[in-house]
Amino acid sequence: MQPLTVRHATVVNSLGIGRDATLEALRAGRSGLRPCTFETVDLDTFVGEVPGVDDAVIPERLANFDCRNNRLAHMALLSDGFTAAVECAVQKYGAHRIGLFLGTSTSGILSSEQAYRHRDPQTGALPASYDFAATHSTSSLADFVGRYLGLEGPAFVVSSACSTTAKVFGNAARMIQAGVCDAAVVGGADSLCLTTLYGFHSLELVSKRPCAPFDIDRDGVSLGEAAGFALLERAGPDDRRDDIRLLGVGESNDAYHMSTPHPEGLGARLAMEGALRAAGLRANDIGYVNLHGTATPYGDASEDRAITELFGADTPCSSTKGYTGHTLGAAGIVEAVISILSLQSGFMPGSAQTRTLDPALRSRYLLVNESAAMDRVMTNSFGFGGTNCSLIFGWAA
């Protein structure tokens, strides 16, 4: 694939608002997971809740889009100078030449949950203020962000479980290469809601403690919420040596099981091999792998097998979900930004909660932070139904 320059990026998660807050927490080994006090949820678990979402305010002109998911997205758009970066791109290319490819899995489902609590006791009618299209619908996210940024190019929303906001990088790469647009805003948001918390609990996938990927006693996920965006442009001769590029995207779908990954890591390996092939790289060209690593017994074992069969046991890797929680559809963009921060700072994050590595797992999993100058990193996002995506980022030069 033709490399794309990551012109700008922003992220909001339970570690804080913006890239600097995220990097600072990772360096300090400070997790954003806390005992769950979200909404009316009565579960013994930890979550990665973003501070300040309840107090966030959607612009008045877009008030009909007000829901937790769009508030998260708005918080990210306001962070790290991202909106100003998009305005510069609009001046350069024109609003109609910038694509918008976003992802979400839960969207604004919390707004529907709340609306159902306030149905008319006689008729069962939902409140007149409830607006499905502007809040709950997955298309709400792109509609809101596109209007907020004033973009007029092609736009759509992907919903492919936990690979969602990784796969949008591939969508952008294909659309730019096809000449449909000159630049693209990618990313998305996923917010906490009762459906996912109780749903994952019913699947017996939720841990009662902060999740501990690759730990011998790992017993499930800690759910979180987040939003993030990246501005991608065609790589060109004007790029600086310190610019970061998207070098490769690999996608697969092993369709092994609705909620369990292929036991041999088949889909994961196909996605990683596809990303390497797209980037024209070999496995030993990758300096660090940000794992999907959700802390489920089967998921971690499956990914570990794929990693060691492709990379061997020497390539450093770790999961950052012990910091942010599993942010579901937002995991791809969150961990893409973390991977970019790792490149820029020469820093590989250790694991926040993992204490004793499972001896059955063979990859070089980092328990503590390590410093290293890296040229290229990979990040993995694997979702329910076997939908998998791997991304490779590296320096422009």
Protein backbone atom coordinates (compact mmCIF):
# COMPACT_ATOMS: atom_id res chain seq x y z
CA MET A 1 0.00 0.00 0.00
CA GLN A 2 1.03 3.62 -0.42
CA PRO A 3 2.11 5.01 2.97
CA LEU A 4 0.00 7.72 4.56
CA THR A 5 1.30 10.46 6.82
CA VAL A 6 -0.35 10.70 10.23
CA ARG A 7 -0.60 14.48 10.25
CA HIS A 8 -2.25 14.75 13.66
CA ALA A 9 -3.93 12.61 16.32
CA THR A 10 -5.90 12.94 19.52
CA VAL A 11 -7.22 10.60 22.20
CA VAL A 12 -9.45 10.67 25.27
CA ASN A 13 -9.63 7.71 27.65
CA SER A 14 -9.70 6.85 31.34
CA LEU A 15 -6.04 7.87 31.68
CA GLY A 16 -6.97 11.45 30.89
CA ILE A 17 -7.77 13.98 28.18
CA GLY A 18 -5.26 14.15 25.34
CA ARG A 19 -2.04 12.49 24.24
CA ASP A 20 0.17 14.00 26.96
CA ALA A 21 -2.07 12.77 29.78
CA THR A 22 -2.13 9.29 28.24
CA LEU A 23 1.66 9.12 27.85
CA GLU A 24 2.25 10.49 31.35
CA ALA A 25 0.01 7.82 32.90
CA LEU A 26 1.68 5.04 30.90
CA ARG A 27 5.13 6.21 31.95
CA ALA A 28 4.03 6.37 35.59
CA GLY A 29 2.36 2.95 35.44
CA ARG A 30 -0.89 4.54 36.58
CA SER A 31 -4.02 2.66 35.51
CA GLY A 32 -7.32 4.38 34.76
CA LEU A 33 -9.40 1.44 35.99
CA ARG A 34 -11.65 2.04 39.00
CA PRO A 35 -14.44 0.13 40.79
CA CYS A 36 -17.60 0.39 38.72
CA THR A 37 -19.99 3.14 39.84
CA PHE A 38 -21.33 3.83 36.37
CA GLU A 39 -24.99 4.75 36.07
CA THR A 40 -27.26 2.15 37.73
CA VAL A 41 -24.90 -0.76 37.10
CA ASP A 42 -24.68 -3.25 39.98
CA LEU A 43 -21.66 -5.38 39.08
CA ASP A 44 -18.51 -6.23 41.00
CA THR A 45 -16.02 -5.14 38.39
CA PHE A 46 -13.62 -2.37 37.38
CA VAL A 47 -14.17 0.01 34.46
CA GLY A 48 -12.21 2.65 32.57
CA GLU A 49 -14.61 5.59 32.78
CA VAL A 50 -13.54 8.89 31.21
CA PRO A 51 -13.72 11.75 33.71
CA GLY A 52 -15.91 14.72 32.88
CA VAL A 53 -18.20 13.18 30.27
CA ASP A 54 -21.35 13.93 32.26
CA ASP A 55 -20.41 17.61 32.38
CA ALA A 56 -19.35 17.90 28.74
CA VAL A 57 -21.49 20.19 26.57
CA ILE A 58 -22.33 19.63 22.91
CA PRO A 59 -22.38 22.87 20.86
CA GLU A 60 -25.87 24.41 20.77
CA ARG A 61 -26.10 24.16 16.99
CA LEU A 62 -25.69 20.39 17.31
CA ALA A 63 -27.73 19.92 20.49
CA ASN A 64 -29.89 17.17 18.98
CA PHE A 65 -26.77 14.97 18.85
CA ASP A 66 -26.30 15.12 22.62
CA CYS A 67 -25.48 11.66 23.98
CA ARG A 68 -22.57 10.12 25.86
CA ASN A 69 -20.89 8.79 22.73
CA ASN A 70 -20.94 12.12 20.90
CA ARG A 71 -19.81 13.92 24.05
CA LEU A 72 -16.77 11.65 24.15
CA ALA A 73 -16.10 12.36 20.48
CA HIS A 74 -16.45 16.09 21.08
CA MET A 75 -13.97 15.95 23.98
CA ALA A 76 -11.43 14.33 21.68
CA LEU A 77 -12.05 16.86 18.91
CA LEU A 78 -11.33 19.65 21.39
CA SER A 79 -8.05 18.05 22.54
CA ASP A 80 -4.50 18.15 21.19
CA GLY A 81 -5.28 20.91 18.67
CA PHE A 82 -7.04 18.38 16.46
CA THR A 83 -9.83 20.62 15.16
CA ALA A 84 -7.28 23.27 14.13
CA ALA A 85 -5.29 20.62 12.24
CA VAL A 86 -8.41 19.59 10.32
CA GLU A 87 -9.15 23.25 9.52
CA CYS A 88 -5.70 23.52 7.95
CA ALA A 89 -6.41 20.42 5.86
CA VAL A 90 -9.73 21.93 4.73
CA GLN A 91 -7.89 25.04 3.56
CA LYS A 92 -5.37 22.88 1.72
CA TYR A 93 -7.68 20.37 0.04
CA GLY A 94 -11.22 21.69 0.36
CA ALA A 95 -13.92 20.28 2.63
CA HIS A 96 -15.26 18.00 -0.14
CA ARG A 97 -11.87 16.27 -0.55
CA ILE A 98 -11.52 15.09 3.05
CA GLY A 99 -13.08 11.73 3.90
CA LEU A 100 -14.54 10.80 7.26
CA PHE A 101 -14.27 7.13 8.19
CA LEU A 102 -15.24 6.42 11.77
CA GLY A 103 -16.14 3.46 13.93
CA THR A 104 -18.29 2.60 16.92
CA SER A 105 -19.81 -0.60 18.25
CA THR A 106 -22.21 0.67 20.92
CA SER A 107 -22.75 4.21 19.62
CA GLY A 108 -25.27 6.11 21.77
CA ILE A 109 -27.13 3.06 23.05
CA LEU A 110 -27.15 4.55 26.55
CA SER A 111 -29.60 7.19 25.31
CA SER A 112 -32.03 4.40 24.32
CA GLU A 113 -31.55 2.65 27.65
CA GLN A 114 -32.41 5.87 29.45
CA ALA A 115 -35.36 6.60 27.15
CA TYR A 116 -36.88 3.17 27.84
CA ARG A 117 -36.87 3.94 31.55
CA HIS A 118 -39.07 6.95 30.87
CA ARG A 119 -41.69 5.41 28.61
CA ASP A 120 -45.27 6.56 29.06
CA PRO A 121 -46.75 4.20 31.68
CA GLN A 122 -50.04 4.02 29.79
CA THR A 123 -48.99 3.83 26.13
CA GLY A 124 -45.38 2.69 26.38
CA ALA A 125 -44.37 5.58 24.10
CA LEU A 126 -40.80 6.79 24.32
CA PRO A 127 -40.17 10.40 25.41
CA ALA A 128 -40.71 13.00 22.69
CA SER A 129 -37.16 14.25 23.26
CA TYR A 130 -35.65 10.90 22.28
CA ASP A 131 -33.94 11.07 18.86
CA PHE A 132 -32.72 7.66 17.68
CA ALA A 133 -31.09 8.91 14.47
CA ALA A 134 -29.05 11.62 16.20
CA THR A 135 -27.98 9.56 19.20
CA HIS A 136 -28.32 5.76 19.15
CA SER A 137 -27.80 5.13 15.42
CA THR A 138 -24.23 4.25 14.46
CA SER A 139 -24.44 6.86 11.69
CA SER A 140 -24.92 9.52 14.37
CA LEU A 141 -21.19 9.62 15.04
CA ALA A 142 -20.14 10.52 11.49
CA ASP A 143 -23.07 12.91 11.12
CA PHE A 144 -22.08 14.75 14.29
CA VAL A 145 -18.33 14.83 13.64
CA GLY A 146 -18.77 15.77 9.98
CA ARG A 147 -21.04 18.67 10.85
CA TYR A 148 -18.79 19.81 13.68
CA LEU A 149 -15.67 19.81 11.47
CA GLY A 150 -17.49 21.12 8.39
CA LEU A 151 -16.43 18.19 6.21
CA GLU A 152 -18.22 17.42 2.95
CA GLY A 153 -16.30 14.42 1.61
CA PRO A 154 -17.32 10.75 1.64
CA ALA A 155 -18.31 9.56 5.10
CA PHE A 156 -19.39 6.31 6.73
CA VAL A 157 -19.27 4.42 10.02
CA VAL A 158 -17.80 0.94 10.49
CA SER A 159 -19.10 -1.39 13.19
CA SER A 160 -17.03 -4.57 13.37
CA ALA A 161 -16.80 -5.14 17.11
CA CYS A 162 -13.38 -4.52 18.66
CA SER A 163 -11.49 -4.13 15.38
CA THR A 164 -13.74 -1.22 14.36
CA THR A 165 -11.46 1.80 14.73
CA ALA A 166 -8.45 -0.08 13.42
CA LYS A 167 -10.23 -1.09 10.22
CA VAL A 168 -11.10 2.53 9.39
CA PHE A 169 -7.40 3.11 8.69
CA GLY A 170 -7.71 0.56 5.90
CA ASN A 171 -10.85 2.24 4.59
CA ALA A 172 -9.03 5.57 4.45
CA ALA A 173 -6.00 4.07 2.71
CA ARG A 174 -8.15 2.53 -0.01
CA MET A 175 -10.27 5.64 -0.55
CA ILE A 176 -7.23 7.92 -0.78
CA GLN A 177 -5.41 5.55 -3.13
CA ALA A 178 -8.53 5.35 -5.31
CA GLY A 179 -8.55 9.15 -5.60
CA VAL A 180 -11.88 9.56 -3.86
CA CYS A 181 -10.32 11.95 -1.34
CA ASP A 182 -6.96 13.56 -0.59
CA ALA A 183 -7.03 13.25 3.19
CA ALA A 184 -9.16 11.54 5.81
CA VAL A 185 -10.23 11.83 9.41
CA VAL A 186 -10.35 8.37 10.98
CA GLY A 187 -11.13 7.11 14.47
CA GLY A 188 -14.29 6.94 16.51
CA ALA A 189 -15.77 6.51 19.95
CA ASP A 190 -17.36 3.90 22.18
CA SER A 191 -18.99 4.74 25.48
CA LEU A 192 -19.98 2.75 28.53
CA CYS A 193 -23.55 1.53 28.69
CA LEU A 194 -25.56 -1.09 30.55
CA THR A 195 -25.92 -3.31 27.49
CA THR A 196 -22.20 -4.02 27.17
CA LEU A 197 -21.47 -4.22 30.89
CA TYR A 198 -24.25 -6.70 31.58
CA GLY A 199 -23.74 -8.40 28.22
CA PHE A 200 -20.08 -9.20 28.82
CA HIS A 201 -20.98 -10.21 32.37
CA SER A 202 -23.53 -12.70 31.01
CA LEU A 203 -20.79 -14.20 28.84
CA GLU A 204 -18.66 -14.61 31.98
CA LEU A 205 -15.94 -12.47 30.43
CA VAL A 206 -15.80 -9.67 33.02
CA SER A 207 -13.17 -9.72 35.75
CA LYS A 208 -13.92 -8.67 39.33
CA ARG A 209 -10.50 -6.97 39.49
CA PRO A 210 -8.53 -4.75 37.14
CA CYS A 211 -7.74 -6.91 34.12
CA ALA A 212 -4.31 -8.54 33.96
CA PRO A 213 -3.39 -9.56 30.40
CA PHE A 214 -1.09 -12.58 30.07
CA ASP A 215 -1.11 -13.14 33.85
CA ILE A 216 -1.37 -16.73 35.01
CA ASP A 217 -4.47 -15.75 37.01
CA ARG A 218 -6.13 -13.64 34.30
CA ASP A 219 -9.88 -14.09 34.37
CA GLY A 220 -11.48 -11.58 32.04
CA VAL A 221 -11.81 -8.05 30.76
CA SER A 222 -12.29 -4.66 32.34
CA LEU A 223 -14.49 -2.57 30.08
CA GLY A 224 -13.73 1.05 29.27
CA GLU A 225 -14.73 3.94 27.06
CA ALA A 226 -12.73 6.24 24.82
CA ALA A 227 -12.62 8.38 21.71
CA GLY A 228 -9.85 9.31 19.33
CA PHE A 229 -9.12 10.58 15.85
CA ALA A 230 -6.26 10.78 13.38
CA LEU A 231 -5.80 12.96 10.31
CA LEU A 232 -4.23 11.04 7.42
CA GLU A 233 -2.77 12.50 4.21
CA ARG A 234 -0.84 11.14 1.26
CA ALA A 235 2.84 10.79 2.11
CA GLY A 236 4.88 13.28 0.13
CA PRO A 237 8.33 14.85 -0.33
CA ASP A 238 7.44 17.65 2.10
CA ASP A 239 7.08 15.23 5.02
CA ARG A 240 9.57 15.79 7.84
CA ARG A 241 11.83 13.07 9.20
CA ASP A 242 9.88 13.12 12.46
CA ASP A 243 6.53 12.53 10.77
CA ILE A 244 4.85 9.21 11.49
CA ARG A 245 3.42 7.18 8.64
CA LEU A 246 0.84 4.44 8.41
CA LEU A 247 2.86 1.81 6.56
CA GLY A 248 0.63 -1.24 6.48
CA VAL A 249 -2.87 -2.51 7.18
CA GLY A 250 -3.80 -6.17 7.42
CA GLU A 251 -7.34 -7.50 7.78
CA SER A 252 -8.83 -10.97 8.14
CA ASN A 253 -11.93 -12.77 9.31
CA ASP A 254 -11.50 -16.31 10.56
CA ALA A 255 -15.23 -16.64 11.51
CA TYR A 256 -14.27 -19.39 13.95
CA HIS A 257 -16.82 -18.53 16.65
CA MET A 258 -19.12 -15.66 17.58
CA SER A 259 -17.21 -14.72 20.73
CA THR A 260 -14.10 -16.93 20.88
CA PRO A 261 -10.95 -16.45 18.74
CA HIS A 262 -9.48 -19.21 16.65
CA PRO A 263 -7.51 -21.40 19.11
CA GLU A 264 -4.46 -21.46 16.84
CA GLY A 265 -4.55 -17.70 16.30
CA LEU A 266 -5.23 -18.18 12.59
CA GLY A 267 -7.13 -14.94 12.00
CA ALA A 268 -4.69 -12.94 14.11
CA ARG A 269 -1.72 -14.27 12.17
CA LEU A 270 -3.39 -13.62 8.81
CA ALA A 271 -4.00 -9.99 9.81
CA MET A 272 -0.42 -9.48 10.98
CA GLU A 273 1.01 -11.13 7.88
CA GLY A 274 -1.23 -8.95 5.72
CA ALA A 275 0.02 -5.78 7.42
CA LEU A 276 3.64 -6.83 6.93
CA ARG A 277 3.00 -7.67 3.30
CA ALA A 278 1.24 -4.34 2.67
CA ALA A 279 4.18 -2.49 4.23
CA GLY A 280 6.80 -4.54 2.39
CA LEU A 281 8.36 -5.55 5.72
CA ARG A 282 9.50 -8.69 7.50
CA ALA A 283 8.63 -9.71 11.03
CA ASN A 284 12.04 -8.73 12.37
CA ASP A 285 11.50 -5.16 11.11
CA ILE A 286 8.95 -4.58 13.90
CA GLY A 287 10.36 -3.19 17.16
CA TYR A 288 7.29 -3.55 19.37
CA VAL A 289 3.79 -5.02 19.15
CA ASN A 290 0.86 -3.50 21.03
CA LEU A 291 -1.26 -6.59 21.62
CA HIS A 292 -5.03 -6.87 21.58
CA GLY A 293 -4.51 -8.64 24.94
CA THR A 294 -7.90 -8.52 26.66
CA ALA A 295 -6.91 -10.77 29.62
CA THR A 296 -9.31 -13.59 28.73
CA PRO A 297 -7.72 -17.05 29.05
CA TYR A 298 -8.48 -18.10 25.46
CA GLY A 299 -7.92 -14.72 23.80
CA ASP A 300 -4.45 -14.14 25.21
CA ALA A 301 -3.37 -17.71 24.45
CA SER A 302 -4.58 -17.44 20.87
CA GLU A 303 -2.76 -14.16 20.24
CA ASP A 304 0.40 -15.41 21.96
CA ARG A 305 0.50 -18.39 19.63
CA ALA A 306 0.08 -16.17 16.56
CA ILE A 307 2.78 -13.78 17.80
CA THR A 308 5.37 -16.43 18.59
CA GLU A 309 4.79 -18.34 15.37
CA LEU A 310 5.28 -15.16 13.32
CA PHE A 311 7.79 -13.13 15.36
CA GLY A 312 9.44 -15.72 17.57
CA ALA A 313 9.98 -15.09 21.27
CA ASP A 314 12.23 -12.01 21.10
CA THR A 315 10.02 -9.16 19.84
CA PRO A 316 8.81 -7.03 22.79
CA CYS A 317 5.04 -6.87 23.17
CA SER A 318 2.45 -5.85 25.74
CA SER A 319 -1.19 -5.00 26.18
CA THR A 320 -2.25 -1.58 27.47
CA LYS A 321 -5.80 -2.64 28.37
CA GLY A 322 -4.74 -2.89 32.00
CA TYR A 323 -4.47 0.91 31.80
CA THR A 324 -7.47 1.94 29.72
CA GLY A 325 -9.75 -1.06 29.96
CA HIS A 326 -11.09 -2.70 26.85
CA THR A 327 -12.67 0.22 25.02
CA LEU A 328 -14.36 -2.12 22.51
CA GLY A 329 -14.92 -0.32 19.20
CA ALA A 330 -12.58 2.49 20.26
CA ALA A 331 -9.69 0.15 21.09
CA GLY A 332 -8.18 0.41 17.61
CA ILE A 333 -7.76 4.19 17.62
CA VAL A 334 -6.71 4.31 21.29
CA GLU A 335 -3.97 1.76 20.77
CA ALA A 336 -2.95 3.26 17.42
CA VAL A 337 -2.32 6.56 19.21
CA ILE A 338 -0.47 4.75 22.02
CA SER A 339 1.68 3.01 19.40
CA ILE A 340 2.46 6.36 17.77
CA LEU A 341 3.37 7.79 21.18
CA SER A 342 5.65 4.79 21.74
CA LEU A 343 7.49 5.54 18.51
CA GLN A 344 7.81 9.24 19.21
CA SER A 345 9.03 8.80 22.78
CA GLY A 346 11.13 5.65 22.38
CA PHE A 347 9.04 3.99 25.05
CA MET A 348 7.42 0.56 25.31
CA PRO A 349 4.75 0.35 28.04
CA GLY A 350 4.77 -2.49 30.50
CA SER A 351 1.63 -4.08 31.86
CA ALA A 352 -0.24 -2.26 34.61
CA GLN A 353 -1.73 -5.22 36.52
CA THR A 354 0.17 -8.28 35.30
CA ARG A 355 2.34 -9.74 38.05
CA THR A 356 3.10 -13.37 37.16
CA LEU A 357 3.29 -14.30 33.51
CA ASP A 358 1.48 -17.43 32.42
CA PRO A 359 4.37 -19.88 31.78
CA ALA A 360 2.34 -21.46 28.96
CA LEU A 361 2.67 -18.23 26.96
CA ARG A 362 5.95 -17.84 25.09
CA SER A 363 6.08 -14.27 23.73
CA ARG A 364 8.36 -11.60 25.22
CA TYR A 365 5.68 -9.85 27.22
CA LEU A 366 6.79 -6.68 29.03
CA LEU A 367 5.96 -6.44 32.71
CA VAL A 368 7.70 -3.08 33.15
CA ASN A 369 8.37 -0.12 30.88
CA GLU A 370 11.37 -0.28 28.57
CA SER A 371 13.09 2.42 26.55
CA ALA A 372 14.19 1.70 22.99
CA ALA A 373 14.64 3.56 19.74
CA MET A 374 12.17 1.97 17.33
CA ASP A 375 11.59 2.43 13.62
CA ARG A 376 8.28 0.54 13.30
CA VAL A 377 5.57 -0.75 15.61
CA MET A 378 2.51 -2.92 15.10
CA THR A 379 -0.83 -2.75 16.90
CA ASN A 380 -3.48 -5.48 16.91
CA SER A 381 -7.27 -5.24 17.23
CA PHE A 382 -9.35 -8.42 17.15
CA GLY A 383 -13.12 -8.56 17.53
CA PHE A 384 -16.05 -10.88 18.08
CA GLY A 385 -16.90 -12.98 15.05
CA GLY A 386 -13.22 -13.26 14.14
CA THR A 387 -12.88 -9.81 12.60
CA ASN A 388 -9.19 -8.88 12.87
CA CYS A 389 -7.01 -5.92 11.94
CA SER A 390 -3.30 -5.11 12.38
CA LEU A 391 -1.69 -1.73 11.71
CA ILE A 392 1.98 -0.81 11.25
CA PHE A 393 3.33 2.68 11.95
CA GLY A 394 6.84 3.97 11.31
CA TRP A 395 8.96 7.03 10.67
CA ALA A 396 8.75 8.94 7.41
CA ALA A 397 12.46 8.53 6.73
